[in-house]
Protein backbone atom coordinates (compact mmCIF):
# COMPACT_ATOMS: atom_id res chain seq x y z
CA UNK A 1 -52.14 -23.30 0.61
CA UNK A 2 -50.77 -19.72 -0.13
CA UNK A 3 -48.72 -17.19 1.61
CA UNK A 4 -49.71 -13.84 2.61
CA UNK A 5 -50.12 -10.75 0.21
CA UNK A 6 -47.33 -8.96 2.38
CA UNK A 7 -44.92 -11.77 1.44
CA UNK A 8 -45.73 -11.68 -2.22
CA UNK A 9 -45.23 -7.89 -2.22
CA UNK A 10 -41.97 -8.28 -0.38
CA UNK A 11 -40.82 -10.90 -2.91
CA UNK A 12 -41.60 -8.50 -5.82
CA UNK A 13 -39.90 -5.55 -4.12
CA UNK A 14 -36.74 -7.60 -3.73
CA UNK A 15 -36.79 -9.40 -7.00
CA UNK A 16 -37.42 -6.55 -9.53
CA UNK A 17 -34.53 -4.10 -8.22
CA UNK A 18 -32.35 -7.17 -7.93
CA UNK A 19 -32.98 -8.05 -11.55
CA UNK A 20 -32.47 -4.49 -12.74
CA UNK A 21 -29.09 -4.47 -11.03
CA UNK A 22 -28.08 -8.01 -12.11
CA UNK A 23 -28.78 -7.09 -15.73
CA UNK A 24 -25.80 -4.82 -15.60
CA UNK A 25 -23.57 -7.90 -15.12
CA UNK A 26 -23.91 -8.44 -18.93
CA UNK A 27 -25.00 -5.00 -20.20
CA UNK A 28 -22.20 -2.64 -21.30
CA UNK A 29 -22.48 1.05 -20.14
CA UNK A 30 -23.93 3.27 -22.90
CA UNK A 31 -22.73 6.49 -21.13
CA UNK A 32 -20.72 7.43 -18.18
CA UNK A 33 -23.56 7.71 -16.03
CA UNK A 34 -24.12 3.98 -16.22
CA UNK A 35 -20.56 2.91 -15.83
CA UNK A 36 -20.86 2.49 -12.10
CA UNK A 37 -23.68 -0.06 -12.63
CA UNK A 38 -21.85 -1.91 -15.40
CA UNK A 39 -18.65 -2.06 -13.37
CA UNK A 40 -20.04 -2.77 -9.99
CA UNK A 41 -22.87 -5.24 -10.54
CA UNK A 42 -20.69 -8.18 -11.08
CA UNK A 43 -18.52 -7.31 -8.11
CA UNK A 44 -21.45 -7.21 -5.82
CA UNK A 45 -23.11 -10.18 -7.47
CA UNK A 46 -22.75 -12.38 -4.33
CA UNK A 47 -25.21 -10.14 -2.58
CA UNK A 48 -27.50 -10.06 -5.60
CA UNK A 49 -27.35 -13.90 -5.53
CA UNK A 50 -28.48 -13.83 -1.89
CA UNK A 51 -31.23 -11.38 -2.61
CA UNK A 52 -32.51 -13.42 -5.61
CA UNK A 53 -32.60 -16.64 -3.54
CA UNK A 54 -34.68 -14.86 -0.82
CA UNK A 55 -37.09 -13.61 -3.33
CA UNK A 56 -37.42 -17.07 -4.86
CA UNK A 57 -38.16 -18.64 -1.48
CA UNK A 58 -40.72 -15.98 -0.62
CA UNK A 59 -42.51 -16.35 -3.95
CA UNK A 60 -42.32 -20.06 -4.52
CA UNK A 61 -45.43 -21.24 -2.84
CA UNK A 62 -47.74 -18.60 -4.24
CA UNK A 63 -46.25 -18.80 -7.74
CA UNK A 64 -47.08 -22.50 -7.79
CA UNK A 65 -50.60 -21.61 -6.64
CA UNK A 66 -50.97 -19.28 -9.73
CA UNK A 67 -50.62 -15.84 -8.08
CA UNK A 68 -49.73 -13.37 -10.75
CA UNK A 69 -47.72 -11.11 -8.46
CA UNK A 70 -45.80 -14.13 -7.05
CA UNK A 71 -45.17 -15.47 -10.51
CA UNK A 72 -43.68 -12.11 -11.64
CA UNK A 73 -41.70 -11.93 -8.51
CA UNK A 74 -40.41 -15.57 -9.01
CA UNK A 75 -39.61 -15.03 -12.64
CA UNK A 76 -37.71 -11.80 -11.89
CA UNK A 77 -35.80 -13.58 -9.10
CA UNK A 78 -35.06 -16.56 -11.28
CA UNK A 79 -33.53 -14.37 -14.02
CA UNK A 80 -31.54 -12.29 -11.28
CA UNK A 81 -30.23 -15.59 -9.87
CA UNK A 82 -29.11 -16.88 -13.33
CA UNK A 83 -27.20 -13.71 -14.06
CA UNK A 84 -25.70 -13.44 -10.53
CA UNK A 85 -24.43 -17.02 -10.33
CA UNK A 86 -22.88 -16.90 -13.93
CA UNK A 87 -19.64 -15.37 -12.60
CA UNK A 88 -19.19 -18.04 -9.99
CA UNK A 89 -20.01 -20.81 -12.63
CA UNK A 90 -17.09 -19.59 -14.77
CA UNK A 91 -14.67 -18.88 -12.00
CA UNK A 92 -13.12 -22.34 -11.59
CA UNK A 93 -12.28 -22.67 -15.25
CA UNK A 94 -10.95 -19.08 -15.38
CA UNK A 95 -8.91 -19.58 -12.32
CA UNK A 96 -7.36 -22.78 -13.78
CA UNK A 97 -6.48 -20.90 -17.06
CA UNK A 98 -4.90 -18.15 -15.01
CA UNK A 99 -2.75 -20.64 -13.16
CA UNK A 100 -1.61 -22.25 -16.45
CA UNK A 101 -0.82 -18.68 -17.81
CA UNK A 102 1.20 -17.66 -14.72
CA UNK A 103 3.03 -21.03 -14.83
CA UNK A 104 3.78 -20.68 -18.45
CA UNK A 105 5.07 -17.11 -18.30
CA UNK A 106 7.06 -17.41 -15.09
CA UNK A 107 8.45 -20.87 -15.79
CA UNK A 108 6.57 -22.72 -13.05
CA UNK A 109 4.80 -22.13 -9.85
CA UNK A 110 5.57 -18.47 -8.85
CA UNK A 111 6.04 -19.51 -5.28
CA UNK A 112 8.29 -22.47 -5.95
CA UNK A 113 11.39 -20.98 -4.51
CA UNK A 114 9.73 -19.85 -1.23
CA UNK A 115 9.98 -22.04 1.92
CA UNK A 116 6.68 -23.76 2.80
CA UNK A 117 6.19 -21.68 5.88
CA UNK A 118 6.35 -18.55 3.75
CA UNK A 119 3.77 -19.90 1.27
CA UNK A 120 1.19 -20.14 4.17
CA UNK A 121 1.21 -16.28 4.26
CA UNK A 122 -0.29 -15.91 0.97
CA UNK A 123 -3.90 -15.70 0.03
CA UNK A 124 -5.00 -19.39 0.17
CA UNK A 125 -7.48 -19.25 -2.72
CA UNK A 126 -8.27 -17.14 -5.79
CA UNK A 127 -11.82 -16.77 -4.23
CA UNK A 128 -12.53 -16.77 -0.47
CA UNK A 129 -16.29 -16.84 -0.38
CA UNK A 130 -16.67 -15.41 3.07
CA UNK A 131 -14.71 -12.33 2.00
CA UNK A 132 -17.42 -11.51 -0.65
CA UNK A 133 -19.57 -10.45 2.31
CA UNK A 134 -17.09 -9.57 5.14
CA UNK A 135 -14.52 -7.87 2.91
CA UNK A 136 -10.82 -8.48 2.48
CA UNK A 137 -8.82 -8.31 5.88
CA UNK A 138 -6.32 -5.59 5.39
CA UNK A 139 -3.88 -6.59 8.07
CA UNK A 140 -1.40 -4.27 9.94
CA UNK A 141 0.34 -1.53 8.50
CA UNK A 142 1.79 1.99 9.27
CA UNK A 143 0.44 4.68 6.97
CA UNK A 144 1.93 8.17 6.43
CA UNK A 145 -0.08 10.56 4.20
CA UNK A 146 0.62 13.77 2.27
CA UNK A 147 4.44 13.78 2.24
CA UNK A 148 5.41 16.80 0.16
CA UNK A 149 7.65 15.81 -2.87
CA UNK A 150 7.86 18.76 -5.18
CA UNK A 151 5.62 21.61 -6.67
CA UNK A 152 6.04 21.76 -10.59
CA UNK A 153 4.35 24.78 -11.87
CA UNK A 154 3.01 25.47 -8.42
CA UNK A 155 1.17 22.11 -8.13
CA UNK A 156 2.06 20.35 -5.01
CA UNK A 157 2.82 16.74 -5.57
CA UNK A 158 2.58 14.45 -2.54
CA UNK A 159 3.28 10.79 -1.68
CA UNK A 160 1.32 8.48 0.65
CA UNK A 161 3.44 5.66 2.24
CA UNK A 162 2.03 2.36 3.53
CA UNK A 163 4.64 0.15 5.13
CA UNK A 164 4.83 -3.08 7.11
CA UNK A 165 4.82 -2.76 11.01
CA UNK A 166 7.83 -5.00 11.16
CA UNK A 167 11.27 -3.30 10.94
CA UNK A 168 13.57 -4.17 8.14
CA UNK A 169 14.31 -3.61 4.60
CA UNK A 170 11.35 -4.37 2.36
CA UNK A 171 10.57 -4.56 -1.25
CA UNK A 172 8.80 -1.47 -2.79
CA UNK A 173 5.63 -1.21 -4.80
CA UNK A 174 5.06 2.29 -6.38
CA UNK A 175 1.43 2.69 -6.87
CA UNK A 176 -0.05 5.13 -9.62
CA UNK A 177 -3.69 6.00 -9.46
CA UNK A 178 -6.04 6.26 -12.35
CA UNK A 179 -8.72 8.75 -13.25
CA UNK A 180 -8.43 9.49 -16.96
CA UNK A 181 -5.45 11.61 -16.13
CA UNK A 182 -7.76 14.17 -14.93
CA UNK A 183 -8.54 13.22 -11.39
CA UNK A 184 -7.45 11.06 -8.51
CA UNK A 185 -5.02 11.41 -5.62
CA UNK A 186 -2.39 9.28 -3.80
CA UNK A 187 -5.11 8.19 -1.43
CA UNK A 188 -6.96 6.52 -4.14
CA UNK A 189 -7.01 2.63 -3.69
CA UNK A 190 -5.64 3.24 -0.08
CA UNK A 191 -7.10 -0.09 1.14
CA UNK A 192 -5.08 -1.95 -1.59
CA UNK A 193 -1.91 -0.14 -0.53
CA UNK A 194 -2.65 -1.02 3.12
CA UNK A 195 -3.23 -4.67 2.16
CA UNK A 196 -0.05 -4.86 0.20
CA UNK A 197 2.00 -3.24 3.05
CA UNK A 198 0.63 -5.84 5.43
CA UNK A 199 2.00 -8.51 3.03
CA UNK A 200 5.46 -6.96 3.45
CA UNK A 201 5.81 -4.33 0.81
CA UNK A 202 6.55 -0.61 1.28
CA UNK A 203 3.94 0.97 -1.01
CA UNK A 204 4.62 4.53 -2.22
CA UNK A 205 1.37 5.89 -3.65
CA UNK A 206 2.54 8.78 -5.89
CA UNK A 207 1.04 11.87 -7.50
CA UNK A 208 1.05 13.77 -10.73
CA UNK A 209 -0.42 16.81 -12.36
CA UNK A 210 -3.85 16.48 -14.09
CA UNK A 211 -5.18 17.11 -17.55
CA UNK A 212 -6.47 19.28 -19.21
CA UNK A 213 -4.66 21.99 -17.16
CA UNK A 214 -1.35 20.21 -17.89
CA UNK A 215 -0.74 18.20 -21.00
CA UNK A 216 1.47 15.11 -21.55
CA UNK A 217 4.42 14.55 -20.82
CA UNK A 218 3.79 16.57 -17.64
CA UNK A 219 2.28 13.48 -15.90
CA UNK A 220 5.22 11.30 -16.90
CA UNK A 221 7.70 13.99 -15.73
CA UNK A 222 5.83 14.08 -12.46
CA UNK A 223 6.03 10.23 -11.99
CA UNK A 224 9.93 10.60 -12.70
CA UNK A 225 10.14 13.37 -10.05
CA UNK A 226 8.25 11.10 -7.65
CA UNK A 227 10.55 8.07 -8.38
CA UNK A 228 13.71 10.33 -7.84
CA UNK A 229 12.27 11.17 -4.36
CA UNK A 230 11.64 7.56 -3.63
CA UNK A 231 15.18 6.61 -4.61
CA UNK A 232 16.60 9.20 -2.29
CA UNK A 233 14.11 8.65 0.72
CA UNK A 234 12.99 5.01 0.53
CA UNK A 235 15.38 3.78 3.21
CA UNK A 236 13.68 6.14 5.69
CA UNK A 237 10.55 4.10 5.38
CA UNK A 238 12.16 0.71 5.22
CA UNK A 239 12.13 0.41 1.37
CA UNK A 240 14.66 -1.49 -0.56
CA UNK A 241 15.30 0.31 -4.01
CA UNK A 242 16.86 -2.79 -5.49
CA UNK A 243 13.52 -4.44 -5.34
CA UNK A 244 10.94 -2.26 -6.93
CA UNK A 245 7.74 -2.92 -8.78
CA UNK A 246 5.48 -0.25 -10.51
CA UNK A 247 1.81 -0.94 -10.28
CA UNK A 248 -0.83 1.37 -11.77
CA UNK A 249 -4.56 1.27 -12.73
CA UNK A 250 -6.14 2.72 -15.95
CA UNK A 251 -4.30 6.07 -16.52
CA UNK A 252 -1.95 5.11 -13.83
CA UNK A 253 -1.21 1.79 -15.36
CA UNK A 254 -0.28 3.77 -18.68
CA UNK A 255 2.06 5.87 -16.60
CA UNK A 256 3.50 2.99 -14.79
CA UNK A 257 4.19 1.19 -17.91
CA UNK A 258 5.80 4.25 -19.50
CA UNK A 259 8.02 4.92 -16.56
CA UNK A 260 9.05 1.36 -16.57
CA UNK A 261 9.79 0.92 -20.27
CA UNK A 262 11.72 4.20 -20.53
CA UNK A 263 14.55 5.81 -18.75
CA UNK A 264 13.72 6.50 -15.10
CA UNK A 265 15.33 7.34 -11.78
CA UNK A 266 14.56 3.82 -10.67
CA UNK A 267 14.60 0.63 -12.80
CA UNK A 268 11.84 -1.65 -11.70
CA UNK A 269 12.24 -5.36 -11.52
CA UNK A 270 8.52 -5.74 -12.36
CA UNK A 271 5.46 -3.74 -13.66
CA UNK A 272 1.78 -4.57 -13.10
CA UNK A 273 -0.87 -2.94 -15.19
CA UNK A 274 -4.46 -3.19 -14.03
CA UNK A 275 -6.51 -2.19 -17.24
CA UNK A 276 -3.93 0.47 -18.17
CA UNK A 277 -3.96 2.47 -21.36
CA UNK A 278 -1.72 1.12 -24.01
CA UNK A 279 -2.24 2.57 -27.36
CA UNK A 280 -3.21 6.23 -27.50
CA UNK A 281 -3.31 6.39 -31.34
CA UNK A 282 -5.44 3.14 -31.56
CA UNK A 283 -7.71 4.39 -28.75
CA UNK A 284 -8.43 7.61 -30.47
CA UNK A 285 -8.86 6.27 -34.00
CA UNK A 286 -10.94 3.17 -32.90
CA UNK A 287 -12.76 3.93 -29.67
CA UNK A 288 -15.01 1.32 -28.17
CA UNK A 289 -18.40 0.79 -29.95
CA UNK A 290 -20.10 1.95 -26.76
CA UNK A 291 -17.73 4.54 -25.33
CA UNK A 292 -18.97 5.77 -21.87
CA UNK A 293 -15.83 7.80 -21.19
CA UNK A 294 -15.57 9.35 -24.72
CA UNK A 295 -11.85 8.14 -25.21
CA UNK A 296 -11.00 10.62 -27.98
CA UNK A 297 -11.99 13.46 -25.70
CA UNK A 298 -10.10 12.14 -22.77
CA UNK A 299 -6.95 11.67 -24.87
CA UNK A 300 -7.25 15.17 -26.52
CA UNK A 301 -7.45 16.57 -22.98
CA UNK A 302 -4.37 14.71 -22.00
CA UNK A 303 -2.32 15.54 -25.22
CA UNK A 304 -3.79 18.89 -26.04
CA UNK A 305 -5.31 18.07 -29.43
CA UNK A 306 -5.71 15.31 -31.88
CA UNK A 307 -3.09 12.87 -33.26
CA UNK A 308 -3.09 14.94 -36.45
CA UNK A 309 -2.02 17.94 -34.52
CA UNK A 310 0.42 16.35 -32.20
CA UNK A 311 1.57 12.99 -33.76
CA UNK A 312 4.84 12.79 -31.76
CA UNK A 313 3.22 13.29 -28.48
CA UNK A 314 0.58 10.48 -29.28
CA UNK A 315 3.58 8.26 -30.40
CA UNK A 316 5.56 8.95 -27.27
CA UNK A 317 2.61 8.39 -25.21
CA UNK A 318 1.88 5.10 -26.69
CA UNK A 319 3.27 2.25 -24.57
CA UNK A 320 3.83 0.09 -27.74
CA UNK A 321 6.27 2.65 -29.15
CA UNK A 322 8.83 1.80 -26.46
CA UNK A 323 8.69 -1.98 -26.70
CA UNK A 324 11.94 -2.13 -28.87
CA UNK A 325 14.03 -4.13 -26.49
CA UNK A 326 13.64 -6.54 -23.48
CA UNK A 327 11.63 -4.94 -20.69
CA UNK A 328 11.02 -5.77 -17.02
CA UNK A 329 8.62 -8.67 -16.20
CA UNK A 330 5.09 -7.54 -16.63
CA UNK A 331 1.70 -8.76 -15.34
CA UNK A 332 -1.17 -7.49 -17.54
CA UNK A 333 -4.74 -7.93 -15.98
CA UNK A 334 -7.76 -6.70 -18.03
CA UNK A 335 -11.46 -7.34 -18.23
CA UNK A 336 -13.24 -8.68 -21.24
CA UNK A 337 -16.10 -6.40 -20.76
CA UNK A 338 -14.05 -3.26 -20.41
CA UNK A 339 -15.32 -0.80 -22.90
CA UNK A 340 -12.95 1.98 -21.71
CA UNK A 341 -9.64 0.25 -22.19
CA UNK A 342 -10.41 -2.83 -24.39
CA UNK A 343 -8.58 -5.99 -23.54
CA UNK A 344 -7.43 -6.46 -26.92
CA UNK A 345 -4.65 -3.87 -26.48
CA UNK A 346 -3.34 -6.04 -23.55
CA UNK A 347 -3.16 -8.96 -25.85
CA UNK A 348 -1.22 -6.90 -28.37
CA UNK A 349 1.29 -5.67 -25.77
CA UNK A 350 1.83 -9.24 -24.52
CA UNK A 351 2.80 -10.25 -27.92
CA UNK A 352 5.18 -7.29 -28.42
CA UNK A 353 6.72 -7.87 -25.05
CA UNK A 354 7.19 -11.54 -25.88
CA UNK A 355 8.76 -10.72 -29.31
CA UNK A 356 11.57 -8.86 -27.72
CA UNK A 357 12.17 -11.51 -25.10
CA UNK A 358 10.43 -10.08 -22.09
CA UNK A 359 8.61 -12.09 -19.46
CA UNK A 360 4.85 -11.38 -19.54
CA UNK A 361 1.60 -12.72 -18.27
CA UNK A 362 -1.64 -11.67 -19.59
CA UNK A 363 -4.73 -12.39 -17.60
CA UNK A 364 -8.16 -11.46 -19.07
CA UNK A 365 -11.08 -11.83 -16.50
CA UNK A 366 -14.06 -12.81 -18.83
CA UNK A 367 -16.71 -11.11 -16.77
CA UNK A 368 -14.82 -7.97 -15.61
CA UNK A 369 -15.25 -4.49 -16.56
CA UNK A 370 -12.95 -1.33 -16.20
CA UNK A 371 -11.96 -0.50 -12.61
CA UNK A 372 -13.22 -3.91 -11.39
CA UNK A 373 -11.04 -3.68 -8.23
CA UNK A 374 -12.92 -0.59 -6.92
CA UNK A 375 -14.73 -3.34 -4.95
CA UNK A 376 -11.75 -4.88 -3.22
CA UNK A 377 -13.83 -7.94 -2.02
CA UNK A 378 -15.38 -8.61 -5.33
CA UNK A 379 -14.69 -11.81 -7.38
CA UNK A 380 -12.44 -9.98 -9.97
CA UNK A 381 -10.45 -8.25 -7.45
CA UNK A 382 -9.90 -11.19 -5.32
CA UNK A 383 -8.71 -13.13 -8.44
CA UNK A 384 -6.35 -10.33 -9.45
CA UNK A 385 -5.02 -9.90 -5.91
CA UNK A 386 -4.15 -13.65 -5.66
CA UNK A 387 -2.03 -13.57 -8.73
CA UNK A 388 -0.50 -10.12 -8.19
CA UNK A 389 0.68 -11.17 -4.92
CA UNK A 390 2.34 -14.33 -6.41
CA UNK A 391 3.80 -12.23 -9.23
CA UNK A 392 5.35 -9.67 -7.08
CA UNK A 393 6.72 -12.51 -4.70
CA UNK A 394 8.28 -14.13 -7.85
CA UNK A 395 9.68 -10.88 -9.22
CA UNK A 396 11.02 -9.11 -5.93
CA UNK A 397 11.62 -12.19 -3.73
CA UNK A 398 11.66 -11.76 0.10
CA UNK A 399 14.57 -11.50 2.55
């Protein structure tokens, strides 16, 4: 007994593109045009898993009967299934390792000092399977966009604020967007800011001038300008400037760390770097083997030239340069597959921070690529959110 030719064709039409997408779960991006696939495939792997199961079911009977089309469809679907399920096979061990690292770095359970009723408000699990398909509930928050802060060199800097609906004085998270220092806006990662606000934080998403029109340290100067504005205006939005964390992604992670580790208008109690740049000199001299973003070119646009031309700027823009004394508690989250900002730099920074007596947790997600949290509901983002939420609670506390 065999199925219909239509079902065999449907199975093939599902299986082949599913496999093509699933291959990017393990393939590195050879160029910028493929980066979206290499980053995103693993984060939508739950959908690829469903698609591969559907194709397997449709092709099973005819493949056993010897149909060539069904056999091809079944083989492609089986390969897609294996690739798609690999993340979830590795997830439990990775999650346990992350728990151990957080407990080691923070001296125990990050939530140990919170009352039991407060613990129930946190994400219940590092992976909530239903949210892979339905999305992460953002909760309630009040959002104000486009607040004018300053206009250095005629460029208007703005801040977006997401804050809890409940009145009171809340801890602050300063969010710095990424984009190779060349693009982005405070509205980048707006859903994440909204989610944090619903968890009890006032999130100030800040702005800075972009390369190559403006070279470093203009970007860091703008972050400090934004921080001075937050210091003076935070109370208007229910923010408590005695409890502040800096959080940045990619180029924004680089700026967040520089601002945290050098003199700034606000001294943070914590800093979170999601795949943030760390070593400008190392990145220029030893770019990834496959370099989809052309890191040397990106850095030259930021600095205005090569390390030989501007050695002091490259040194000052390297986070490692400033780890000469104890720094605020730091959470570093990087992806093992990241071939834009390689995770090895995160490990080096961890060692440097520990050497000067700083508290630091380094979480390396084995399957994740750069910008993994662009898919907020993906497995990598959920894992990072789970631990970031706990780290912030440990560092900033709750009133």
